[in-house]
């Protein structure tokens, strides 16, 4: 439904090929994270020559990306539907049901960090929230309990989770093929894009922009409109 609140969901998978799904929505956040951070890393070699004051860093590799999320697990019931009006719920005979913090935390950890008997390891997971998607495994999970009832049961907790990107060589290779210049690509023009620049990204050479302009029926390729969709077909490369 348009305008409906999109909840962060976590799907579980047997391995890093992500072709054997265990459960689509193994965990759905009761409350969406207030935000998330993604860490991109570059491994560099920094040889320091004798007598040199500075070094020329050399690229070595791009290690896996990390994702950090902070969840609020609430068991007070204030986040449930109609929970703010207990009197109406009571008058209408509705049970005022709350999901405990323990059940929420257990549900999260079962989907992400608990060792599954059949595969003898935690699941690989895919996190989805709106247009955001992340494939990986849980690396760290810390729970800080903040509020308790009279019996010492937690009513509110903050969970800090760190996921590390995990993609099999097979899936990585498939991703490389999907961006191959030997395939047809559809791209949406962004502000500041030019046809030579977009052609350079796809084919590794901007000299094919006239062929792309012809395929897309562009009369004035110098005035691309943001939001416009262009097709980049396979082109036989010539020197």
Protein backbone atom coordinates (compact mmCIF):
# COMPACT_ATOMS: atom_id res chain seq x y z
CA UNK A 1 0.00 0.00 0.00
CA UNK A 2 1.35 3.41 -0.97
CA UNK A 3 2.61 5.38 1.99
CA UNK A 4 2.61 2.36 4.33
CA UNK A 5 5.45 2.13 6.83
CA UNK A 6 8.20 -0.15 5.53
CA UNK A 7 9.76 -2.27 8.25
CA UNK A 8 13.31 -3.55 8.15
CA UNK A 9 13.24 -7.29 7.45
CA UNK A 10 15.90 -9.97 7.63
CA UNK A 11 15.74 -13.08 5.46
CA UNK A 12 17.82 -16.16 6.26
CA UNK A 13 19.83 -18.25 3.80
CA UNK A 14 21.85 -21.43 3.96
CA UNK A 15 25.03 -20.03 2.41
CA UNK A 16 26.64 -17.04 0.72
CA UNK A 17 25.22 -17.99 -2.68
CA UNK A 18 21.84 -16.81 -1.32
CA UNK A 19 20.03 -19.35 -3.48
CA UNK A 20 18.69 -21.56 -0.65
CA UNK A 21 16.33 -19.42 1.39
CA UNK A 22 15.34 -20.68 4.82
CA UNK A 23 12.77 -18.01 5.63
CA UNK A 24 11.92 -14.79 3.80
CA UNK A 25 11.04 -12.64 6.84
CA UNK A 26 12.85 -14.47 9.61
CA UNK A 27 12.90 -11.21 11.58
CA UNK A 28 10.90 -8.02 11.18
CA UNK A 29 11.84 -5.01 13.28
CA UNK A 30 9.19 -3.86 15.75
CA UNK A 31 10.75 -0.43 15.52
CA UNK A 32 12.91 0.57 12.58
CA UNK A 33 16.48 1.66 13.35
CA UNK A 34 16.93 5.41 13.63
CA UNK A 35 19.69 5.04 11.05
CA UNK A 36 22.53 2.85 9.90
CA UNK A 37 26.15 3.29 8.92
CA UNK A 38 28.13 1.52 6.22
CA UNK A 39 31.91 1.24 6.42
CA UNK A 40 33.87 0.87 3.19
CA UNK A 41 37.49 -0.14 3.61
CA UNK A 42 40.54 -0.03 1.37
CA UNK A 43 43.65 -2.05 2.15
CA UNK A 44 46.82 -0.13 1.32
CA UNK A 45 50.50 -0.93 1.32
CA UNK A 46 52.63 1.92 2.60
CA UNK A 47 56.30 1.29 1.89
CA UNK A 48 58.58 3.95 3.34
CA UNK A 49 61.78 4.38 1.41
CA UNK A 50 64.98 5.11 3.35
CA UNK A 51 65.33 8.84 3.92
CA UNK A 52 61.81 9.61 2.69
CA UNK A 53 59.49 11.69 4.89
CA UNK A 54 56.30 10.52 3.19
CA UNK A 55 55.08 7.36 1.52
CA UNK A 56 53.21 6.55 -1.67
CA UNK A 57 50.31 4.29 -0.63
CA UNK A 58 49.63 1.44 -3.05
CA UNK A 59 46.22 -0.15 -3.45
CA UNK A 60 46.08 -3.81 -2.35
CA UNK A 61 42.42 -4.80 -2.02
CA UNK A 62 38.93 -3.71 -0.98
CA UNK A 63 37.91 -5.76 2.07
CA UNK A 64 34.29 -6.59 2.80
CA UNK A 65 31.92 -3.78 3.72
CA UNK A 66 30.56 -3.51 7.29
CA UNK A 67 27.05 -2.47 8.29
CA UNK A 68 26.21 -1.10 11.75
CA UNK A 69 22.62 -0.88 13.00
CA UNK A 70 21.07 0.09 16.33
CA UNK A 71 17.70 -1.40 17.27
CA UNK A 72 15.29 -0.43 20.04
CA UNK A 73 13.53 -3.43 21.57
CA UNK A 74 10.50 -2.21 23.50
CA UNK A 75 8.31 -4.38 25.71
CA UNK A 76 6.22 -1.67 27.36
CA UNK A 77 3.55 -1.93 24.68
CA UNK A 78 3.63 1.74 23.75
CA UNK A 79 4.65 0.82 20.22
CA UNK A 80 1.78 -1.64 19.66
CA UNK A 81 -1.40 -0.64 17.83
CA UNK A 82 -3.85 1.13 20.17
CA UNK A 83 -1.48 0.57 23.06
CA UNK A 84 -1.70 4.21 24.04
CA UNK A 85 -5.38 3.80 24.89
CA UNK A 86 -5.63 0.91 27.31
CA UNK A 87 -9.09 1.97 28.47
CA UNK A 88 -10.63 1.57 24.98
CA UNK A 89 -8.94 -1.79 24.58
CA UNK A 90 -10.36 -2.88 27.91
CA UNK A 91 -13.88 -1.63 27.13
CA UNK A 92 -13.93 -3.38 23.77
CA UNK A 93 -12.72 -6.56 25.38
CA UNK A 94 -9.46 -6.62 23.43
CA UNK A 95 -6.49 -8.29 25.01
CA UNK A 96 -3.68 -5.83 25.50
CA UNK A 97 -0.88 -7.99 24.20
CA UNK A 98 2.75 -7.00 24.47
CA UNK A 99 5.76 -8.73 22.95
CA UNK A 100 8.46 -9.11 25.56
CA UNK A 101 11.93 -7.72 25.06
CA UNK A 102 13.33 -11.22 25.58
CA UNK A 103 11.20 -12.61 22.74
CA UNK A 104 12.24 -9.76 20.43
CA UNK A 105 15.96 -10.16 21.18
CA UNK A 106 15.73 -13.95 20.89
CA UNK A 107 13.95 -13.59 17.54
CA UNK A 108 16.65 -11.31 16.22
CA UNK A 109 19.51 -13.52 17.39
CA UNK A 110 17.84 -16.71 16.17
CA UNK A 111 17.66 -15.23 12.68
CA UNK A 112 21.14 -13.77 12.62
CA UNK A 113 23.60 -15.27 15.09
CA UNK A 114 22.41 -18.58 16.50
CA UNK A 115 24.08 -21.70 15.12
CA UNK A 116 21.57 -23.66 13.06
CA UNK A 117 21.79 -27.44 13.56
CA UNK A 118 21.29 -28.54 9.94
CA UNK A 119 24.03 -26.28 8.55
CA UNK A 120 26.21 -26.10 11.71
CA UNK A 121 26.67 -22.34 11.50
CA UNK A 122 24.65 -19.12 11.73
CA UNK A 123 22.58 -18.18 8.68
CA UNK A 124 23.69 -15.85 5.97
CA UNK A 125 21.20 -13.00 5.92
CA UNK A 126 19.81 -10.40 3.57
CA UNK A 127 18.65 -7.18 5.22
CA UNK A 128 16.05 -5.15 3.35
CA UNK A 129 14.73 -1.72 4.27
CA UNK A 130 13.11 0.27 1.49
CA UNK A 131 15.58 0.31 -1.40
CA UNK A 132 18.49 -0.69 0.85
CA UNK A 133 19.78 -4.28 0.71
CA UNK A 134 22.76 -5.86 2.43
CA UNK A 135 24.02 -9.44 2.15
CA UNK A 136 26.22 -10.72 4.95
CA UNK A 137 26.66 -12.37 8.32
CA UNK A 138 26.34 -11.12 11.88
CA UNK A 139 29.77 -10.23 13.24
CA UNK A 140 28.84 -8.65 16.60
CA UNK A 141 25.69 -8.14 18.64
CA UNK A 142 25.57 -6.23 21.93
CA UNK A 143 22.38 -5.76 23.96
CA UNK A 144 22.10 -3.01 26.57
CA UNK A 145 19.07 -3.36 28.86
CA UNK A 146 17.67 0.00 29.93
CA UNK A 147 14.34 -0.43 31.75
CA UNK A 148 12.95 -3.13 34.07
CA UNK A 149 9.64 -4.02 35.71
CA UNK A 150 9.13 -4.78 39.41
CA UNK A 151 10.15 -8.39 38.85
CA UNK A 152 13.40 -7.45 37.15
CA UNK A 153 12.22 -8.34 33.66
CA UNK A 154 13.61 -6.06 30.93
CA UNK A 155 11.11 -3.68 29.35
CA UNK A 156 13.43 -1.89 26.98
CA UNK A 157 16.78 -2.66 25.39
CA UNK A 158 19.12 -1.27 22.75
CA UNK A 159 20.71 -3.77 20.41
CA UNK A 160 23.84 -2.81 18.51
CA UNK A 161 24.52 -5.12 15.59
CA UNK A 162 27.41 -5.25 13.16
CA UNK A 163 27.12 -7.24 9.93
CA UNK A 164 30.00 -8.06 7.60
CA UNK A 165 29.42 -8.42 3.88
CA UNK A 166 29.64 -12.04 2.74
CA UNK A 167 29.22 -12.99 -0.92
CA UNK A 168 30.43 -16.21 -2.53
CA UNK A 169 32.90 -16.10 -5.46
CA UNK A 170 30.10 -17.52 -7.62
CA UNK A 171 27.73 -14.68 -6.73
CA UNK A 172 30.46 -12.07 -7.07
CA UNK A 173 31.28 -13.35 -10.56
CA UNK A 174 27.60 -13.22 -11.50
CA UNK A 175 27.53 -9.60 -10.35
CA UNK A 176 30.52 -8.78 -12.52
CA UNK A 177 28.84 -10.37 -15.53
CA UNK A 178 25.69 -8.33 -14.94
CA UNK A 179 27.76 -5.16 -15.36
CA UNK A 180 29.58 -6.47 -18.42
CA UNK A 181 29.72 -4.21 -21.51
CA UNK A 182 28.67 -7.29 -23.52
CA UNK A 183 25.14 -7.00 -22.09
CA UNK A 184 22.39 -4.44 -22.66
CA UNK A 185 22.09 -1.97 -19.79
CA UNK A 186 19.40 0.52 -18.83
CA UNK A 187 20.55 3.58 -16.93
CA UNK A 188 18.68 6.55 -15.47
CA UNK A 189 20.31 9.93 -16.14
CA UNK A 190 21.44 11.69 -12.99
CA UNK A 191 22.07 15.39 -12.56
CA UNK A 192 25.50 16.17 -14.05
CA UNK A 193 25.61 13.11 -16.30
CA UNK A 194 26.81 13.44 -19.90
CA UNK A 195 26.53 10.81 -22.60
CA UNK A 196 30.32 10.43 -22.99
CA UNK A 197 30.64 10.03 -19.21
CA UNK A 198 27.90 7.39 -19.03
CA UNK A 199 29.39 5.60 -22.04
CA UNK A 200 32.78 5.57 -20.34
CA UNK A 201 31.26 3.89 -17.25
CA UNK A 202 29.62 1.11 -19.28
CA UNK A 203 32.17 0.36 -21.99
CA UNK A 204 35.36 1.71 -20.47
CA UNK A 205 35.66 4.14 -23.38
CA UNK A 206 33.65 7.29 -24.18
CA UNK A 207 34.13 7.06 -27.94
CA UNK A 208 30.98 4.95 -28.39
CA UNK A 209 28.62 7.76 -27.32
CA UNK A 210 27.47 8.49 -30.90
CA UNK A 211 26.33 4.87 -31.32
CA UNK A 212 24.46 5.10 -28.00
CA UNK A 213 22.85 8.38 -29.08
CA UNK A 214 21.67 6.73 -32.30
CA UNK A 215 20.18 3.73 -30.47
CA UNK A 216 18.25 6.01 -28.13
CA UNK A 217 17.12 8.41 -30.87
CA UNK A 218 18.85 11.36 -29.25
CA UNK A 219 18.96 14.47 -31.44
CA UNK A 220 20.81 16.63 -28.93
CA UNK A 221 22.90 14.31 -26.78
CA UNK A 222 24.49 17.31 -25.02
CA UNK A 223 21.27 18.06 -23.14
CA UNK A 224 20.37 14.97 -21.13
CA UNK A 225 17.41 15.28 -18.80
CA UNK A 226 17.74 13.94 -15.22
CA UNK A 227 15.38 10.99 -14.83
CA UNK A 228 15.61 10.09 -18.53
CA UNK A 229 16.24 6.40 -19.23
CA UNK A 230 18.87 5.38 -21.77
CA UNK A 231 19.79 1.99 -23.20
CA UNK A 232 23.40 0.94 -23.68
CA UNK A 233 23.48 -2.09 -25.99
CA UNK A 234 26.37 -4.49 -26.57
CA UNK A 235 28.84 -2.81 -28.92
CA UNK A 236 31.54 -4.50 -30.92
CA UNK A 237 34.63 -2.71 -29.78
CA UNK A 238 37.06 -1.35 -32.34
CA UNK A 239 40.42 0.21 -31.67
